[in-house]
Amino acid sequence: FTHMAQESFPRICSGPEYKAMDINAQFEWMKANQNRRLVLGRSGIEGYGIFAKQPIFKGEMVVEYTGEAIRPVVADVREEQYEAAGLGTYFWRLEEYLGAGE
């Protein structure tokens, strides 16, 4: 966000307030404020997407993943099946975000 955008979309809490919370408080804050922070809408790229209603701090929790955890080979098979049926797919590898062994 630019400085002007930050003025147009005020934060629910400040950076120092968020950083002062422990991980459990950040998680609870994320869940309690999710509808005030995010909106589901049509994506200009493909299908639907989640869009921020306000700036997001580096390292801030955005969403809780509650889906099924599956092996890469299962994800590959499902992706082919979903694409053949004309359905969108939302698969990603956690190790790309967490790093190997974390």
N, C-alpha and C. Protein backbone atom coordinates (compact mmCIF):
# COMPACT_ATOMS: atom_id res chain seq x y z
N PHE A 1 0.83 -1.19 0.00
CA PHE A 1 0.00 0.00 0.00
C PHE A 1 0.87 1.25 0.00
N THR A 2 0.41 2.25 -0.70
CA THR A 2 1.11 3.53 -0.66
C THR A 2 0.72 4.25 0.62
N HIS A 3 1.41 5.33 0.94
CA HIS A 3 1.08 6.12 2.13
C HIS A 3 -0.35 6.63 2.05
N MET A 4 -0.78 7.07 0.85
CA MET A 4 -2.15 7.56 0.69
C MET A 4 -3.16 6.44 0.94
N ALA A 5 -2.87 5.23 0.48
CA ALA A 5 -3.77 4.10 0.70
C ALA A 5 -3.86 3.78 2.19
N GLN A 6 -2.74 3.89 2.89
CA GLN A 6 -2.76 3.62 4.32
C GLN A 6 -3.67 4.59 5.06
N GLU A 7 -3.73 5.83 4.61
CA GLU A 7 -4.62 6.81 5.21
C GLU A 7 -6.07 6.50 4.88
N SER A 8 -6.33 5.93 3.71
CA SER A 8 -7.69 5.62 3.28
C SER A 8 -8.22 4.35 3.94
N PHE A 9 -7.32 3.45 4.32
CA PHE A 9 -7.71 2.18 4.92
C PHE A 9 -7.03 2.04 6.28
N PRO A 10 -7.56 2.68 7.30
CA PRO A 10 -6.90 2.63 8.61
C PRO A 10 -6.87 1.21 9.19
N ARG A 11 -5.83 0.92 9.92
CA ARG A 11 -5.65 -0.39 10.53
C ARG A 11 -6.57 -0.54 11.74
N ILE A 12 -6.92 -1.79 12.02
CA ILE A 12 -7.72 -2.10 13.20
C ILE A 12 -6.84 -1.96 14.45
N CYS A 13 -5.57 -2.33 14.33
CA CYS A 13 -4.62 -2.12 15.42
C CYS A 13 -3.30 -1.69 14.80
N SER A 14 -2.45 -1.08 15.58
CA SER A 14 -1.17 -0.58 15.06
C SER A 14 -0.15 -1.71 15.01
N GLY A 15 0.93 -1.46 14.28
CA GLY A 15 2.01 -2.43 14.20
C GLY A 15 2.58 -2.80 15.55
N PRO A 16 2.91 -1.80 16.38
CA PRO A 16 3.43 -2.13 17.71
C PRO A 16 2.43 -2.93 18.57
N GLU A 17 1.14 -2.61 18.45
CA GLU A 17 0.13 -3.36 19.21
C GLU A 17 0.11 -4.83 18.77
N TYR A 18 0.14 -5.05 17.44
CA TYR A 18 0.11 -6.41 16.92
C TYR A 18 1.37 -7.17 17.33
N LYS A 19 2.54 -6.55 17.16
CA LYS A 19 3.80 -7.21 17.48
C LYS A 19 3.95 -7.51 18.97
N ALA A 20 3.25 -6.74 19.82
CA ALA A 20 3.32 -6.96 21.27
C ALA A 20 2.53 -8.19 21.71
N MET A 21 1.62 -8.67 20.85
CA MET A 21 0.80 -9.84 21.18
C MET A 21 1.65 -11.11 21.06
N ASP A 22 1.38 -12.09 21.93
CA ASP A 22 2.04 -13.39 21.74
C ASP A 22 1.33 -14.11 20.60
N ILE A 23 1.87 -15.23 20.15
CA ILE A 23 1.36 -15.94 18.98
C ILE A 23 -0.09 -16.36 19.15
N ASN A 24 -0.48 -16.76 20.37
CA ASN A 24 -1.87 -17.16 20.61
C ASN A 24 -2.81 -15.97 20.51
N ALA A 25 -2.41 -14.84 21.02
CA ALA A 25 -3.23 -13.63 20.92
C ALA A 25 -3.35 -13.17 19.47
N GLN A 26 -2.25 -13.27 18.71
CA GLN A 26 -2.30 -12.90 17.29
C GLN A 26 -3.28 -13.80 16.53
N PHE A 27 -3.25 -15.09 16.85
CA PHE A 27 -4.17 -16.04 16.20
C PHE A 27 -5.62 -15.70 16.53
N GLU A 28 -5.91 -15.46 17.78
CA GLU A 28 -7.28 -15.11 18.18
C GLU A 28 -7.71 -13.78 17.57
N TRP A 29 -6.80 -12.81 17.52
CA TRP A 29 -7.09 -11.52 16.90
C TRP A 29 -7.40 -11.70 15.42
N MET A 30 -6.61 -12.54 14.74
CA MET A 30 -6.84 -12.81 13.32
C MET A 30 -8.23 -13.37 13.10
N LYS A 31 -8.61 -14.38 13.89
CA LYS A 31 -9.93 -15.00 13.71
C LYS A 31 -11.06 -14.01 14.04
N ALA A 32 -10.90 -13.23 15.10
CA ALA A 32 -11.95 -12.30 15.51
C ALA A 32 -12.17 -11.16 14.51
N ASN A 33 -11.13 -10.79 13.77
CA ASN A 33 -11.21 -9.64 12.88
C ASN A 33 -11.18 -9.99 11.40
N GLN A 34 -11.29 -11.27 11.07
CA GLN A 34 -11.13 -11.70 9.69
C GLN A 34 -12.11 -11.01 8.74
N ASN A 35 -13.38 -10.89 9.10
CA ASN A 35 -14.36 -10.26 8.21
C ASN A 35 -14.14 -8.76 8.06
N ARG A 36 -13.49 -8.15 9.02
CA ARG A 36 -13.17 -6.72 8.93
C ARG A 36 -11.90 -6.48 8.12
N ARG A 37 -11.06 -7.51 7.99
CA ARG A 37 -9.77 -7.37 7.32
C ARG A 37 -9.75 -7.86 5.89
N LEU A 38 -10.60 -8.86 5.57
CA LEU A 38 -10.53 -9.53 4.27
C LEU A 38 -11.91 -9.59 3.62
N VAL A 39 -11.89 -9.70 2.29
CA VAL A 39 -13.14 -9.85 1.54
C VAL A 39 -12.90 -10.82 0.39
N LEU A 40 -13.89 -11.66 0.11
CA LEU A 40 -13.84 -12.59 -1.02
C LEU A 40 -14.43 -11.89 -2.22
N GLY A 41 -13.77 -11.99 -3.36
CA GLY A 41 -14.28 -11.34 -4.56
C GLY A 41 -13.74 -11.99 -5.82
N ARG A 42 -14.30 -11.59 -6.95
CA ARG A 42 -13.83 -12.08 -8.24
C ARG A 42 -12.42 -11.60 -8.49
N SER A 43 -11.58 -12.50 -8.94
CA SER A 43 -10.19 -12.17 -9.23
C SER A 43 -10.04 -11.76 -10.68
N GLY A 44 -9.19 -10.79 -10.93
CA GLY A 44 -8.87 -10.40 -12.29
C GLY A 44 -7.97 -11.41 -12.97
N ILE A 45 -7.43 -12.34 -12.20
CA ILE A 45 -6.53 -13.36 -12.74
C ILE A 45 -7.32 -14.63 -13.08
N GLU A 46 -8.04 -15.16 -12.07
CA GLU A 46 -8.82 -16.38 -12.31
C GLU A 46 -9.75 -16.64 -11.13
N GLY A 47 -11.01 -16.89 -11.42
CA GLY A 47 -11.96 -17.30 -10.39
C GLY A 47 -12.14 -16.26 -9.29
N TYR A 48 -12.06 -16.73 -8.06
CA TYR A 48 -12.23 -15.88 -6.89
C TYR A 48 -10.92 -15.74 -6.14
N GLY A 49 -10.83 -14.72 -5.31
CA GLY A 49 -9.65 -14.51 -4.50
C GLY A 49 -10.02 -13.82 -3.21
N ILE A 50 -9.07 -13.76 -2.31
CA ILE A 50 -9.25 -13.04 -1.05
C ILE A 50 -8.47 -11.75 -1.16
N PHE A 51 -9.11 -10.64 -0.81
CA PHE A 51 -8.50 -9.32 -0.94
C PHE A 51 -8.47 -8.64 0.42
N ALA A 52 -7.39 -7.92 0.67
CA ALA A 52 -7.23 -7.19 1.93
C ALA A 52 -8.04 -5.91 1.91
N LYS A 53 -8.73 -5.64 3.00
CA LYS A 53 -9.45 -4.38 3.16
C LYS A 53 -8.56 -3.30 3.78
N GLN A 54 -7.38 -3.71 4.24
CA GLN A 54 -6.44 -2.80 4.90
C GLN A 54 -5.03 -3.35 4.73
N PRO A 55 -4.02 -2.54 4.97
CA PRO A 55 -2.64 -3.03 4.84
C PRO A 55 -2.39 -4.21 5.79
N ILE A 56 -1.52 -5.10 5.37
CA ILE A 56 -1.15 -6.27 6.17
C ILE A 56 0.33 -6.13 6.50
N PHE A 57 0.67 -6.27 7.78
CA PHE A 57 2.06 -6.19 8.21
C PHE A 57 2.85 -7.40 7.72
N LYS A 58 4.13 -7.22 7.47
CA LYS A 58 5.02 -8.34 7.19
C LYS A 58 4.97 -9.27 8.39
N GLY A 59 4.73 -10.56 8.14
CA GLY A 59 4.68 -11.54 9.21
C GLY A 59 3.33 -11.67 9.89
N GLU A 60 2.35 -10.87 9.51
CA GLU A 60 1.03 -10.92 10.13
C GLU A 60 0.26 -12.14 9.64
N MET A 61 -0.44 -12.83 10.55
CA MET A 61 -1.30 -13.94 10.15
C MET A 61 -2.45 -13.39 9.32
N VAL A 62 -2.75 -14.07 8.22
CA VAL A 62 -3.82 -13.59 7.34
C VAL A 62 -5.02 -14.52 7.40
N VAL A 63 -4.81 -15.81 7.19
CA VAL A 63 -5.90 -16.78 7.24
C VAL A 63 -5.42 -18.04 7.94
N GLU A 64 -6.36 -18.80 8.45
CA GLU A 64 -6.05 -20.10 9.02
C GLU A 64 -6.38 -21.16 7.98
N TYR A 65 -5.43 -22.01 7.66
CA TYR A 65 -5.70 -23.10 6.73
C TYR A 65 -6.40 -24.22 7.49
N THR A 66 -7.60 -24.57 7.05
CA THR A 66 -8.36 -25.62 7.72
C THR A 66 -8.65 -26.79 6.79
N GLY A 67 -8.03 -26.79 5.62
CA GLY A 67 -8.26 -27.85 4.65
C GLY A 67 -7.50 -29.11 4.97
N GLU A 68 -7.66 -30.04 4.08
CA GLU A 68 -7.02 -31.34 4.21
C GLU A 68 -5.54 -31.25 3.84
N ALA A 69 -4.69 -31.91 4.58
CA ALA A 69 -3.27 -32.00 4.24
C ALA A 69 -3.07 -33.30 3.47
N ILE A 70 -2.53 -33.21 2.26
CA ILE A 70 -2.36 -34.40 1.41
C ILE A 70 -0.94 -34.44 0.86
N ARG A 71 -0.53 -35.63 0.47
CA ARG A 71 0.80 -35.82 -0.12
C ARG A 71 0.84 -35.22 -1.53
N PRO A 72 2.02 -34.82 -2.01
CA PRO A 72 2.13 -34.24 -3.35
C PRO A 72 1.57 -35.13 -4.46
N VAL A 73 1.76 -36.45 -4.37
CA VAL A 73 1.26 -37.34 -5.42
C VAL A 73 -0.27 -37.31 -5.47
N VAL A 74 -0.92 -37.20 -4.32
CA VAL A 74 -2.39 -37.11 -4.27
C VAL A 74 -2.83 -35.76 -4.83
N ALA A 75 -2.11 -34.71 -4.51
CA ALA A 75 -2.44 -33.37 -5.04
C ALA A 75 -2.34 -33.36 -6.56
N ASP A 76 -1.33 -34.00 -7.11
CA ASP A 76 -1.18 -34.05 -8.57
C ASP A 76 -2.36 -34.74 -9.23
N VAL A 77 -2.79 -35.87 -8.66
CA VAL A 77 -3.94 -36.61 -9.22
C VAL A 77 -5.20 -35.76 -9.13
N ARG A 78 -5.45 -35.15 -7.98
CA ARG A 78 -6.65 -34.32 -7.81
C ARG A 78 -6.63 -33.12 -8.74
N GLU A 79 -5.47 -32.52 -8.91
CA GLU A 79 -5.38 -31.37 -9.81
C GLU A 79 -5.82 -31.75 -11.22
N GLU A 80 -5.35 -32.89 -11.71
CA GLU A 80 -5.74 -33.36 -13.05
C GLU A 80 -7.25 -33.61 -13.11
N GLN A 81 -7.80 -34.22 -12.07
CA GLN A 81 -9.23 -34.51 -12.04
C GLN A 81 -10.05 -33.21 -12.02
N TYR A 82 -9.64 -32.26 -11.19
CA TYR A 82 -10.39 -31.01 -11.07
C TYR A 82 -10.33 -30.22 -12.37
N GLU A 83 -9.15 -30.16 -12.98
CA GLU A 83 -9.02 -29.42 -14.24
C GLU A 83 -9.85 -30.07 -15.35
N ALA A 84 -9.90 -31.42 -15.38
CA ALA A 84 -10.71 -32.13 -16.38
C ALA A 84 -12.19 -31.84 -16.19
N ALA A 85 -12.59 -31.58 -14.93
CA ALA A 85 -13.99 -31.28 -14.63
C ALA A 85 -14.29 -29.78 -14.74
N GLY A 86 -13.28 -28.98 -15.09
CA GLY A 86 -13.48 -27.54 -15.22
C GLY A 86 -13.52 -26.80 -13.89
N LEU A 87 -12.95 -27.41 -12.86
CA LEU A 87 -12.93 -26.78 -11.53
C LEU A 87 -11.58 -26.12 -11.28
N GLY A 88 -11.58 -25.07 -10.50
CA GLY A 88 -10.33 -24.42 -10.12
C GLY A 88 -9.61 -25.23 -9.06
N THR A 89 -8.32 -25.02 -8.95
CA THR A 89 -7.53 -25.71 -7.93
C THR A 89 -6.79 -24.71 -7.07
N TYR A 90 -6.61 -25.05 -5.82
CA TYR A 90 -5.91 -24.20 -4.87
C TYR A 90 -4.94 -25.06 -4.06
N PHE A 91 -3.97 -25.63 -4.73
CA PHE A 91 -2.97 -26.45 -4.06
C PHE A 91 -1.67 -25.66 -3.94
N TRP A 92 -1.00 -25.78 -2.83
CA TRP A 92 0.34 -25.22 -2.70
C TRP A 92 1.12 -26.08 -1.72
N ARG A 93 2.42 -26.03 -1.84
CA ARG A 93 3.29 -26.83 -1.01
C ARG A 93 3.75 -26.00 0.19
N LEU A 94 3.49 -26.50 1.37
CA LEU A 94 3.87 -25.77 2.58
C LEU A 94 5.37 -25.61 2.71
N GLU A 95 6.13 -26.61 2.25
CA GLU A 95 7.59 -26.50 2.40
C GLU A 95 8.15 -25.31 1.64
N GLU A 96 7.45 -24.84 0.60
CA GLU A 96 7.90 -23.65 -0.14
C GLU A 96 7.83 -22.41 0.75
N TYR A 97 6.92 -22.42 1.73
CA TYR A 97 6.75 -21.28 2.62
C TYR A 97 7.48 -21.47 3.94
N LEU A 98 7.55 -22.70 4.41
CA LEU A 98 8.15 -22.96 5.72
C LEU A 98 9.64 -23.26 5.65
N GLY A 99 10.10 -23.76 4.52
CA GLY A 99 11.49 -24.18 4.41
C GLY A 99 11.61 -25.65 4.77
N ALA A 100 12.56 -26.32 4.22
CA ALA A 100 12.73 -27.74 4.45
C ALA A 100 13.02 -28.01 5.92
N GLY A 101 12.32 -28.98 6.49
CA GLY A 101 12.58 -29.42 7.86
C GLY A 101 12.00 -28.54 8.94
N GLU A 102 11.25 -27.50 8.59
CA GLU A 102 10.67 -26.66 9.65
C GLU A 102 9.29 -27.14 10.01
